[in-house]
Amino acid sequence: MSSAVVTRFAPSPTGYLHIGGARTALFNWLYARRFGGRMLLRIEDTDRERSTQGAIDAILDGMRWLGLDWDGDVIYQYARAARHREVAESLLASGNAYHCYATPEELAAMREAARAEGRPMRYDGRWRDRDLAEAPAGIKPVIRLRAPTDGETVVDDGVQGRVTWQNRDLDDLVLLRSDGNPTYMLAVVVDDHDMGVTHVIRGDDHLTNAARQSQIYQALGWDVPTMAHIPLIHGSDGAKLSKRHGALGVDAYRDLGYLPAALRNYLVRLGWSHGDQEVFSTGEMISAFDLKSIGRSPARFDFAKLENLNGLYIRNSQDTALVDAIETVLPTIGAERGLAAPLPPDLRAKLTSAMPGLKERAKTLVELIDSAYYLYAPRPLALDEKALGLLSNEARARLAAILPVLEALPEWSPAATEGAVRHFAEGAALKLGQVAQPLRAALTGRTTSPPLFDVMAVLGRDESLARLRDQAQST
């Protein structure tokens, strides 16, 4: 086996790329990059009824959005079925596998007996050493592995440590079904071997599979790759992760307004740690990642923590990059806000100009878009309830009074508008807030916004004055 590290991510295309799968892909990607190796992508589409092209597309899109590139072409497991059959036949020829003619009725009886005795179902080996001359007519056999019946199977796991199974507890698993289709267990072993995979990093729900697959490797005389089984992700309440906890597709996190770099950073800390460090650049993740720092307890998914981390990434992002990121979510959430991608050049310029103030408060791109409402809202502005509450008759009268002052300004800049508003407030014996709050409500339709005079500068003289006229009360 080559000494270079080769990992693989091998999802089943029966749905979206869920958050647990994304973390598994990330861990494989980081390990390969850390050691200058390769990460391969294999679509395990042997379940023909449940595998869909839509799910394949969603997985590939999710990987690309997260920034997890793979090496070489995507490998499709079903396309390799002839190779899997060839290996099953070779095991038959070497005596490490045998034909089994057990009928569905016989298997059902074994299952019923196991249930009655309160033990797991195990095939009883009735065709293991039987003369094939006794084979019933008209029944197509399966091919089963002739697994060892005594001793033990050991996996030295990169996360779980040394895990041991008694061979008497593992039965002769099916390698090839009676219709000639390979089972998942055989296909995985053959594909991992042929692809030169050195490290299998996956969820610990595959731990028992590791024992069975090790037996297949040994029967074939192949090296067993290093195994590392990661604990699953649980909800914040410790229960198995479900949709109410955040078990969504990666595409849903994109549409909720999370940045890929923030989600990557959050996922890497789900079950892996590096001292007390919480925030990692991609380069830092790659140089620090190892298997021994993955914990054995399930990680807990915490939406609040993800939001806070995403807010940090938003604040630290370039303004133009955030405008680009906003465009990526507009196909999903833009229509209800009257927005579409690509953004008009004038709105893009306004967003970029306003971004330093906007990004200080937002935790998601959706919040960022909503806080920028005043930049794209049609006139007359729809005011929210709090803004309407601020615009009493008295406040509207103040707007009417300050309009001529603002209209007469020779220069329209934050310093000029602030000076004019302060001078007006002092002259009317008012606190600054008594003038600034109605101005903010009239200009943005909200009671919170980036700094008022920055808002006025971004909107420009004509739009600002037009909005104030819409709300001012003639006196």
Protein backbone atom coordinates (compact mmCIF):
# COMPACT_ATOMS: atom_id res chain seq x y z
CA MET A 1 0.00 0.00 0.00
CA SER A 2 1.22 3.50 -0.80
CA SER A 3 2.52 5.45 2.17
CA ALA A 4 0.70 8.61 1.05
CA VAL A 5 -2.51 9.33 2.95
CA VAL A 6 -5.71 8.70 0.98
CA THR A 7 -9.08 9.39 2.63
CA ARG A 8 -12.55 9.21 1.16
CA PHE A 9 -15.99 10.62 1.76
CA ALA A 10 -18.63 8.13 0.68
CA PRO A 11 -22.21 9.40 1.09
CA SER A 12 -25.36 7.56 0.00
CA PRO A 13 -27.38 9.76 -2.38
CA THR A 14 -30.74 9.21 -0.70
CA GLY A 15 -31.14 12.82 0.50
CA TYR A 16 -29.31 16.09 1.07
CA LEU A 17 -25.80 16.45 2.50
CA HIS A 18 -26.76 16.58 6.19
CA ILE A 19 -24.71 18.27 8.86
CA GLY A 20 -23.18 15.02 10.18
CA GLY A 21 -22.10 14.06 6.68
CA ALA A 22 -20.61 17.51 6.16
CA ARG A 23 -18.51 17.12 9.31
CA THR A 24 -17.33 13.66 8.19
CA ALA A 25 -16.35 15.14 4.80
CA LEU A 26 -14.52 17.99 6.56
CA PHE A 27 -12.55 15.64 8.84
CA ASN A 28 -11.52 13.50 5.85
CA TRP A 29 -10.57 16.61 3.87
CA LEU A 30 -8.51 18.08 6.73
CA TYR A 31 -6.67 14.82 7.41
CA ALA A 32 -5.75 14.41 3.75
CA ARG A 33 -4.62 18.03 3.44
CA ARG A 34 -2.69 17.86 6.74
CA PHE A 35 -0.51 15.03 5.42
CA GLY A 36 -0.26 16.15 1.80
CA GLY A 37 -2.51 13.31 0.69
CA ARG A 38 -5.73 13.02 -1.33
CA MET A 39 -9.40 12.93 -0.45
CA LEU A 40 -11.59 10.98 -2.84
CA LEU A 41 -15.37 11.27 -3.27
CA ARG A 42 -17.41 8.12 -3.79
CA ILE A 43 -21.17 8.13 -4.23
CA GLU A 44 -22.53 4.88 -2.75
CA ASP A 45 -25.50 4.52 -5.07
CA THR A 46 -26.03 0.78 -4.89
CA ASP A 47 -29.53 1.27 -3.40
CA ARG A 48 -31.08 1.92 -6.80
CA GLU A 49 -34.60 2.58 -5.49
CA ARG A 50 -33.59 5.33 -3.06
CA SER A 51 -30.64 6.91 -4.92
CA THR A 52 -31.60 10.01 -6.90
CA GLN A 53 -29.80 12.41 -9.21
CA GLY A 54 -31.27 15.28 -7.17
CA ALA A 55 -29.57 13.98 -4.03
CA ILE A 56 -26.26 13.52 -5.88
CA ASP A 57 -26.46 17.13 -7.10
CA ALA A 58 -27.29 18.36 -3.57
CA ILE A 59 -24.27 16.52 -2.12
CA LEU A 60 -21.87 17.90 -4.75
CA ASP A 61 -23.30 21.43 -4.41
CA GLY A 62 -23.03 21.24 -0.62
CA MET A 63 -19.41 20.11 -0.80
CA ARG A 64 -18.50 22.90 -3.23
CA TRP A 65 -20.28 25.56 -1.14
CA LEU A 66 -18.43 24.40 1.99
CA GLY A 67 -15.14 24.67 0.10
CA LEU A 68 -14.33 20.96 0.37
CA ASP A 69 -12.76 19.98 -2.92
CA TRP A 70 -12.02 16.35 -3.74
CA ASP A 71 -9.24 14.80 -5.79
CA GLY A 72 -9.93 13.16 -9.14
CA ASP A 73 -13.32 12.28 -10.59
CA VAL A 74 -16.35 11.37 -8.52
CA ILE A 75 -16.57 7.56 -8.27
CA TYR A 76 -19.99 5.92 -8.51
CA GLN A 77 -20.19 2.63 -6.65
CA TYR A 78 -22.94 1.08 -8.77
CA ALA A 79 -20.81 1.43 -11.91
CA ARG A 80 -18.27 -0.93 -10.30
CA ALA A 81 -20.71 -3.81 -9.69
CA ALA A 82 -18.93 -6.12 -12.16
CA ARG A 83 -15.67 -5.70 -10.20
CA HIS A 84 -17.49 -6.46 -6.93
CA ARG A 85 -18.93 -9.66 -8.44
CA GLU A 86 -15.47 -10.66 -9.68
CA VAL A 87 -14.08 -10.37 -6.13
CA ALA A 88 -16.98 -12.39 -4.68
CA GLU A 89 -16.26 -15.13 -7.23
CA SER A 90 -12.55 -15.08 -6.30
CA LEU A 91 -13.48 -15.64 -2.63
CA LEU A 92 -15.65 -18.56 -3.73
CA ALA A 93 -12.76 -20.01 -5.70
CA SER A 94 -10.34 -19.69 -2.74
CA GLY A 95 -12.78 -21.38 -0.34
CA ASN A 96 -13.25 -18.18 1.69
CA ALA A 97 -16.87 -17.92 0.58
CA TYR A 98 -19.63 -20.38 -0.28
CA HIS A 99 -23.03 -20.64 -1.95
CA CYS A 100 -25.97 -20.52 0.43
CA TYR A 101 -29.40 -21.81 -0.62
CA ALA A 102 -31.30 -20.91 2.54
CA THR A 103 -34.86 -19.99 1.60
CA PRO A 104 -36.64 -16.83 2.75
CA GLU A 105 -38.81 -19.05 4.96
CA GLU A 106 -35.74 -20.62 6.62
CA LEU A 107 -34.24 -17.17 7.26
CA ALA A 108 -37.54 -15.94 8.71
CA ALA A 109 -37.59 -18.94 11.07
CA MET A 110 -34.01 -18.14 12.21
CA ARG A 111 -35.07 -14.53 12.82
CA GLU A 112 -38.11 -15.62 14.82
CA ALA A 113 -36.07 -18.01 16.95
CA ALA A 114 -33.53 -15.29 17.69
CA ARG A 115 -36.33 -12.89 18.68
CA ALA A 116 -37.89 -15.49 20.96
CA GLU A 117 -34.53 -16.08 22.68
CA GLY A 118 -33.82 -12.34 22.94
CA ARG A 119 -30.62 -12.45 20.89
CA PRO A 120 -29.53 -10.79 17.62
CA MET A 121 -30.36 -12.61 14.39
CA ARG A 122 -27.41 -14.65 13.11
CA TYR A 123 -27.33 -16.95 10.13
CA ASP A 124 -26.70 -20.45 11.47
CA GLY A 125 -24.21 -21.56 8.79
CA ARG A 126 -26.37 -24.42 7.50
CA TRP A 127 -24.87 -24.27 3.98
CA ARG A 128 -21.33 -23.59 5.12
CA ASP A 129 -20.07 -27.18 4.64
CA ARG A 130 -23.02 -28.75 2.94
CA ASP A 131 -22.71 -30.72 -0.32
CA LEU A 132 -23.97 -28.61 -3.20
CA ALA A 133 -25.55 -31.76 -4.62
CA GLU A 134 -28.25 -31.14 -2.01
CA ALA A 135 -29.01 -27.71 -3.47
CA PRO A 136 -32.76 -27.30 -4.04
CA ALA A 137 -33.87 -26.78 -7.63
CA GLY A 138 -35.05 -23.39 -8.75
CA ILE A 139 -33.39 -21.37 -5.95
CA LYS A 140 -30.69 -18.88 -6.81
CA PRO A 141 -28.04 -18.90 -4.09
CA VAL A 142 -26.37 -15.99 -2.36
CA ILE A 143 -22.62 -15.96 -1.77
CA ARG A 144 -21.64 -15.76 1.90
CA LEU A 145 -18.26 -15.09 3.50
CA ARG A 146 -16.79 -18.10 5.32
CA ALA A 147 -16.03 -16.05 8.42
CA PRO A 148 -13.83 -17.38 11.24
CA THR A 149 -15.90 -19.07 13.97
CA ASP A 150 -13.41 -18.87 16.83
CA GLY A 151 -10.91 -16.29 18.06
CA GLU A 152 -11.57 -12.59 17.76
CA THR A 153 -11.54 -9.73 15.28
CA VAL A 154 -9.71 -6.61 16.46
CA VAL A 155 -9.84 -3.06 15.13
CA ASP A 156 -7.24 -0.61 16.44
CA ASP A 157 -9.37 2.46 15.95
CA GLY A 158 -7.86 5.95 15.63
CA VAL A 159 -10.60 7.40 17.86
CA GLN A 160 -12.19 4.53 19.78
CA GLY A 161 -8.94 2.72 20.63
CA ARG A 162 -8.72 -1.08 20.52
CA VAL A 163 -12.13 -2.63 19.84
CA THR A 164 -12.58 -6.42 19.99
CA TRP A 165 -15.37 -8.72 18.74
CA GLN A 166 -15.68 -12.43 19.46
CA ASN A 167 -15.90 -14.17 16.10
CA ARG A 168 -18.61 -16.49 17.37
CA ASP A 169 -20.84 -13.37 17.57
CA LEU A 170 -20.29 -12.47 13.89
CA ASP A 171 -22.05 -14.65 11.33
CA ASP A 172 -21.30 -15.42 7.67
CA LEU A 173 -22.45 -12.24 5.98
CA VAL A 174 -23.86 -12.11 2.45
CA LEU A 175 -21.40 -10.79 -0.16
CA LEU A 176 -23.48 -11.26 -3.30
CA ARG A 177 -27.27 -11.37 -3.35
CA SER A 178 -29.20 -13.99 -5.30
CA ASP A 179 -29.86 -11.45 -8.08
CA GLY A 180 -26.08 -11.03 -8.56
CA ASN A 181 -25.92 -7.59 -6.89
CA PRO A 182 -23.12 -7.01 -4.38
CA THR A 183 -23.92 -6.02 -0.80
CA TYR A 184 -22.79 -2.76 0.75
CA MET A 185 -20.19 -4.60 2.89
CA LEU A 186 -18.42 -6.14 -0.09
CA ALA A 187 -18.65 -3.04 -2.30
CA VAL A 188 -17.10 -0.78 0.36
CA VAL A 189 -14.13 -3.09 0.92
CA VAL A 190 -13.42 -3.57 -2.80
CA ASP A 191 -13.76 0.14 -3.56
CA ASP A 192 -11.59 1.26 -0.64
CA HIS A 193 -8.90 -1.26 -1.65
CA ASP A 194 -8.99 -0.40 -5.36
CA MET A 195 -8.95 3.35 -4.61
CA GLY A 196 -5.90 2.92 -2.36
CA VAL A 197 -7.70 4.31 0.71
CA THR A 198 -5.34 4.33 3.70
CA HIS A 199 -7.66 5.91 6.31
CA VAL A 200 -11.39 5.31 6.73
CA ILE A 201 -12.79 8.18 8.83
CA ARG A 202 -16.55 7.90 9.38
CA GLY A 203 -19.34 7.93 11.99
CA ASP A 204 -19.23 5.44 14.86
CA ASP A 205 -22.54 3.97 13.67
CA HIS A 206 -20.23 2.07 11.28
CA LEU A 207 -18.13 0.52 14.06
CA THR A 208 -19.66 -2.97 13.78
CA ASN A 209 -19.23 -2.73 9.99
CA ALA A 210 -15.50 -2.26 10.67
CA ALA A 211 -15.32 -5.77 12.17
CA ARG A 212 -17.19 -7.37 9.28
CA GLN A 213 -15.22 -5.46 6.66
CA SER A 214 -11.94 -6.40 8.37
CA GLN A 215 -12.89 -10.06 7.95
CA ILE A 216 -13.46 -9.52 4.22
CA TYR A 217 -10.07 -7.78 3.88
CA GLN A 218 -8.36 -10.64 5.68
CA ALA A 219 -10.11 -13.27 3.54
CA LEU A 220 -8.81 -11.47 0.45
CA GLY A 221 -5.28 -11.09 1.86
CA TRP A 222 -5.52 -7.30 1.61
CA ASP A 223 -4.19 -4.72 4.09
CA VAL A 224 -6.92 -3.28 6.32
CA PRO A 225 -6.91 0.54 6.22
CA THR A 226 -6.59 2.54 9.42
CA MET A 227 -10.08 3.03 10.85
CA ALA A 228 -11.30 6.05 12.82
CA HIS A 229 -14.92 6.15 13.97
CA ILE A 230 -16.21 9.57 15.06
CA PRO A 231 -19.01 9.90 17.65
CA LEU A 232 -22.25 11.15 16.18
CA ILE A 233 -23.64 14.66 16.67
CA HIS A 234 -26.41 15.07 19.23
CA GLY A 235 -28.78 17.95 19.88
CA SER A 236 -28.16 20.50 22.63
CA ASP A 237 -30.38 18.38 24.91
CA GLY A 238 -28.19 15.30 24.42
CA ALA A 239 -30.77 13.45 22.30
CA LYS A 240 -29.96 12.06 18.86
CA LEU A 241 -29.75 14.90 16.36
CA SER A 242 -33.06 15.54 14.60
CA LYS A 243 -34.47 18.30 12.40
CA ARG A 244 -35.61 20.28 15.44
CA HIS A 245 -31.99 20.39 16.64
CA GLY A 246 -30.54 21.49 13.31
CA ALA A 247 -30.22 18.24 11.36
CA LEU A 248 -30.75 20.14 8.15
CA GLY A 249 -29.11 19.90 4.78
CA VAL A 250 -26.05 22.05 4.17
CA ASP A 251 -28.13 23.94 1.57
CA ALA A 252 -30.52 24.99 4.37
CA TYR A 253 -27.65 26.55 6.35
CA ARG A 254 -26.65 28.48 3.24
CA ASP A 255 -30.23 29.76 2.85
CA LEU A 256 -30.40 30.66 6.56
CA GLY A 257 -27.50 33.01 5.93
CA TYR A 258 -24.46 31.21 7.33
CA LEU A 259 -21.06 31.75 5.73
CA PRO A 260 -19.29 28.58 4.55
CA ALA A 261 -16.10 29.50 6.43
CA ALA A 262 -18.07 29.97 9.67
CA LEU A 263 -19.91 26.66 9.26
CA ARG A 264 -16.58 24.90 8.55
CA ASN A 265 -15.10 26.44 11.69
CA TYR A 266 -18.15 25.40 13.74
CA LEU A 267 -18.11 21.84 12.39
CA VAL A 268 -14.40 21.30 13.05
CA ARG A 269 -15.00 22.04 16.74
CA LEU A 270 -17.85 19.51 16.96
CA GLY A 271 -15.97 16.66 18.57
CA TRP A 272 -12.41 17.85 17.87
CA SER A 273 -10.43 20.31 19.93
CA HIS A 274 -7.08 22.06 19.86
CA GLY A 275 -6.46 23.51 23.30
CA ASP A 276 -8.92 26.32 24.01
CA GLN A 277 -8.85 27.68 20.47
CA GLU A 278 -12.33 28.27 19.02
CA VAL A 279 -11.66 30.29 15.86
CA PHE A 280 -9.52 28.75 13.10
CA SER A 281 -8.50 29.90 9.68
CA THR A 282 -8.54 27.10 7.11
CA GLY A 283 -4.73 26.97 7.24
CA GLU A 284 -4.76 26.66 11.04
CA MET A 285 -7.32 23.85 10.86
CA ILE A 286 -5.22 21.90 8.37
CA SER A 287 -1.96 22.25 10.30
CA ALA A 288 -3.54 21.33 13.66
CA PHE A 289 -5.97 18.55 12.70
CA ASP A 290 -5.28 15.04 14.00
CA LEU A 291 -7.32 11.99 14.97
CA LYS A 292 -6.16 11.67 18.57
CA SER A 293 -7.81 14.98 19.52
CA ILE A 294 -11.27 13.72 18.49
CA GLY A 295 -13.30 12.94 21.63
CA ARG A 296 -15.20 9.71 22.18
CA SER A 297 -18.40 11.37 23.44
CA PRO A 298 -21.10 12.65 21.08
CA ALA A 299 -20.71 16.32 20.18
CA ARG A 300 -23.64 18.66 20.90
CA PHE A 301 -25.02 20.92 18.21
CA ASP A 302 -25.67 24.44 19.51
CA PHE A 303 -27.39 26.92 17.17
CA ALA A 304 -26.62 29.90 19.43
CA LYS A 305 -22.90 29.10 19.29
CA LEU A 306 -23.04 28.76 15.50
CA GLU A 307 -24.86 32.11 15.22
CA ASN A 308 -22.30 33.89 17.39
CA LEU A 309 -19.43 32.41 15.39
CA ASN A 310 -21.14 33.40 12.13
CA GLY A 311 -21.55 36.95 13.46
CA LEU A 312 -17.82 37.06 14.17
CA TYR A 313 -17.05 35.91 10.62
CA ILE A 314 -19.45 38.51 9.19
CA ARG A 315 -17.76 41.32 11.17
CA ASN A 316 -14.34 40.16 9.97
CA SER A 317 -15.34 39.77 6.31
CA GLN A 318 -14.50 42.20 3.52
CA ASP A 319 -17.47 44.44 2.67
CA THR A 320 -17.49 43.46 -1.02
CA ALA A 321 -17.29 39.76 -0.09
CA LEU A 322 -20.41 40.14 2.06
CA VAL A 323 -22.33 41.76 -0.79
CA ASP A 324 -21.29 38.79 -2.99
CA ALA A 325 -22.44 36.40 -0.22
CA ILE A 326 -25.81 38.17 0.00
CA GLU A 327 -26.33 37.50 -3.72
CA THR A 328 -25.92 33.75 -3.13
CA VAL A 329 -28.99 33.63 -0.84
CA LEU A 330 -31.23 35.95 -2.90
CA PRO A 331 -32.61 33.13 -5.10
CA THR A 332 -34.20 31.69 -1.93
CA ILE A 333 -35.13 34.73 0.16
CA GLY A 334 -34.94 37.65 -2.27
CA ALA A 335 -38.41 37.49 -3.84
CA GLU A 336 -40.28 38.28 -0.62
CA ARG A 337 -38.02 41.32 -0.18
CA GLY A 338 -38.32 42.51 -3.76
CA LEU A 339 -34.69 41.59 -4.49
CA ALA A 340 -33.05 39.41 -7.11
CA ALA A 341 -29.51 38.50 -8.14
CA PRO A 342 -27.55 40.08 -9.62
CA LEU A 343 -28.06 43.23 -7.58
CA PRO A 344 -28.42 46.50 -9.52
CA PRO A 345 -25.09 48.39 -9.58
CA ASP A 346 -26.44 51.36 -7.59
CA LEU A 347 -27.81 49.12 -4.83
CA ARG A 348 -24.57 47.10 -4.77
CA ALA A 349 -22.66 50.37 -4.32
CA LYS A 350 -24.98 51.46 -1.50
CA LEU A 351 -24.71 48.09 0.26
CA THR A 352 -20.92 48.15 0.01
CA SER A 353 -20.80 51.69 1.36
CA ALA A 354 -23.18 50.89 4.24
CA MET A 355 -21.61 47.53 5.12
CA PRO A 356 -19.21 48.73 7.87
CA GLY A 357 -22.22 49.84 9.93
CA LEU A 358 -24.54 46.98 8.91
CA LYS A 359 -22.21 44.10 9.70
CA GLU A 360 -21.58 45.12 13.31
CA ARG A 361 -24.97 43.81 14.45
CA ALA A 362 -25.86 40.96 12.09
CA LYS A 363 -25.34 37.28 12.95
CA THR A 364 -26.54 35.92 9.59
CA LEU A 365 -26.73 37.15 6.01
CA VAL A 366 -30.53 37.17 6.33
CA GLU A 367 -30.26 39.58 9.29
CA LEU A 368 -27.79 41.61 7.25
CA ILE A 369 -30.23 41.90 4.33
CA ASP A 370 -33.11 42.81 6.65
CA SER A 371 -31.06 45.44 8.46
CA ALA A 372 -30.25 46.94 5.03
CA TYR A 373 -33.98 47.23 4.28
CA TYR A 374 -33.73 51.01 4.16
CA LEU A 375 -31.33 50.79 1.20
CA TYR A 376 -33.71 48.92 -1.10
CA ALA A 377 -37.15 49.74 0.32
CA PRO A 378 -39.55 51.39 -2.14
CA ARG A 379 -41.05 54.78 -1.25
CA PRO A 380 -43.08 55.55 0.71
CA LEU A 381 -41.32 53.36 3.29
CA ALA A 382 -43.33 50.73 5.15
CA LEU A 383 -42.61 51.57 8.78
CA ASP A 384 -42.48 48.87 11.44
CA GLU A 385 -44.60 49.24 14.58
CA LYS A 386 -41.86 50.82 16.71
CA ALA A 387 -40.97 53.34 14.01
CA LEU A 388 -44.64 54.28 13.58
CA GLY A 389 -44.86 54.78 17.35
CA LEU A 390 -41.97 57.25 17.22
CA LEU A 391 -43.53 59.39 14.51
CA SER A 392 -46.11 61.24 16.59
CA ASN A 393 -47.65 64.45 15.24
CA GLU A 394 -45.03 66.34 17.25
CA ALA A 395 -42.18 64.30 15.75
CA ARG A 396 -43.54 64.80 12.23
CA ALA A 397 -43.69 68.53 12.86
CA ARG A 398 -40.00 68.43 13.78
CA LEU A 399 -39.24 66.66 10.51
CA ALA A 400 -41.08 69.39 8.64
CA ALA A 401 -39.11 72.03 10.52
CA ILE A 402 -35.69 70.53 9.86
CA LEU A 403 -36.33 69.83 6.16
CA PRO A 404 -35.45 73.37 4.95
CA VAL A 405 -32.24 73.25 7.04
CA LEU A 406 -31.16 70.02 5.37
CA GLU A 407 -32.27 71.17 1.91
CA ALA A 408 -30.03 74.23 2.26
CA LEU A 409 -26.87 72.27 3.05
CA PRO A 410 -24.16 72.99 0.46
CA GLU A 411 -22.45 69.68 1.22
CA TRP A 412 -24.06 66.29 1.96
CA SER A 413 -21.70 64.34 4.21
CA PRO A 414 -21.96 62.69 7.66
CA ALA A 415 -20.16 65.66 9.25
CA ALA A 416 -22.36 68.24 7.48
CA THR A 417 -25.69 66.56 8.28
CA GLU A 418 -24.68 65.87 11.88
CA GLY A 419 -23.65 69.50 12.36
CA ALA A 420 -26.96 70.73 10.92
CA VAL A 421 -29.07 68.38 13.09
CA ARG A 422 -27.15 69.26 16.26
CA HIS A 423 -27.48 73.00 15.54
CA PHE A 424 -31.22 72.59 14.89
CA ALA A 425 -31.72 70.62 18.16
CA GLU A 426 -29.84 73.20 20.20
CA GLY A 427 -31.80 76.06 18.63
CA ALA A 428 -35.09 74.32 19.42
CA ALA A 429 -33.94 73.45 22.99
CA LEU A 430 -34.25 69.74 22.20
CA LYS A 431 -32.03 66.78 23.00
CA LEU A 432 -30.28 65.34 19.95
CA GLY A 433 -32.29 62.12 20.28
CA GLN A 434 -35.59 63.98 20.03
CA VAL A 435 -34.63 64.96 16.50
CA ALA A 436 -32.42 62.00 15.52
CA GLN A 437 -34.93 59.26 16.44
CA PRO A 438 -37.76 60.56 14.19
CA LEU A 439 -35.18 61.09 11.42
CA ARG A 440 -34.03 57.47 11.73
CA ALA A 441 -37.63 56.18 11.71
CA ALA A 442 -38.50 58.23 8.63
CA LEU A 443 -35.33 57.32 6.73
CA THR A 444 -35.11 53.58 7.55
CA GLY A 445 -38.60 52.53 8.66
CA ARG A 446 -36.95 51.07 11.79
CA THR A 447 -35.83 52.31 15.21
CA THR A 448 -32.37 50.71 14.97
CA SER A 449 -29.90 51.15 12.13
CA PRO A 450 -26.25 51.89 11.45
CA PRO A 451 -25.21 55.41 12.57
CA LEU A 452 -27.84 57.91 11.37
CA PHE A 453 -25.54 60.28 9.54
CA ASP A 454 -23.82 57.40 7.74
CA VAL A 455 -27.30 56.24 6.66
CA MET A 456 -28.03 59.70 5.24
CA ALA A 457 -24.73 59.74 3.36
CA VAL A 458 -25.34 56.29 1.82
CA LEU A 459 -28.92 57.16 0.79
CA GLY A 460 -27.74 60.46 -0.69
CA ARG A 461 -29.35 63.89 -0.58
CA ASP A 462 -32.27 63.32 -2.98
CA GLU A 463 -33.47 60.02 -1.51
CA SER A 464 -33.04 61.21 2.08
CA LEU A 465 -35.00 64.42 1.53
CA ALA A 466 -37.74 62.60 -0.41
CA ARG A 467 -38.24 60.12 2.43
CA LEU A 468 -38.37 62.90 5.00
CA ARG A 469 -40.99 64.74 2.93
CA ASP A 470 -43.07 61.52 2.77
CA GLN A 471 -43.28 61.45 6.57
CA ALA A 472 -43.18 65.16 7.50
CA GLN A 473 -46.34 66.89 8.59
CA SER A 474 -46.95 70.28 7.09
CA THR A 475 -47.34 72.92 9.76
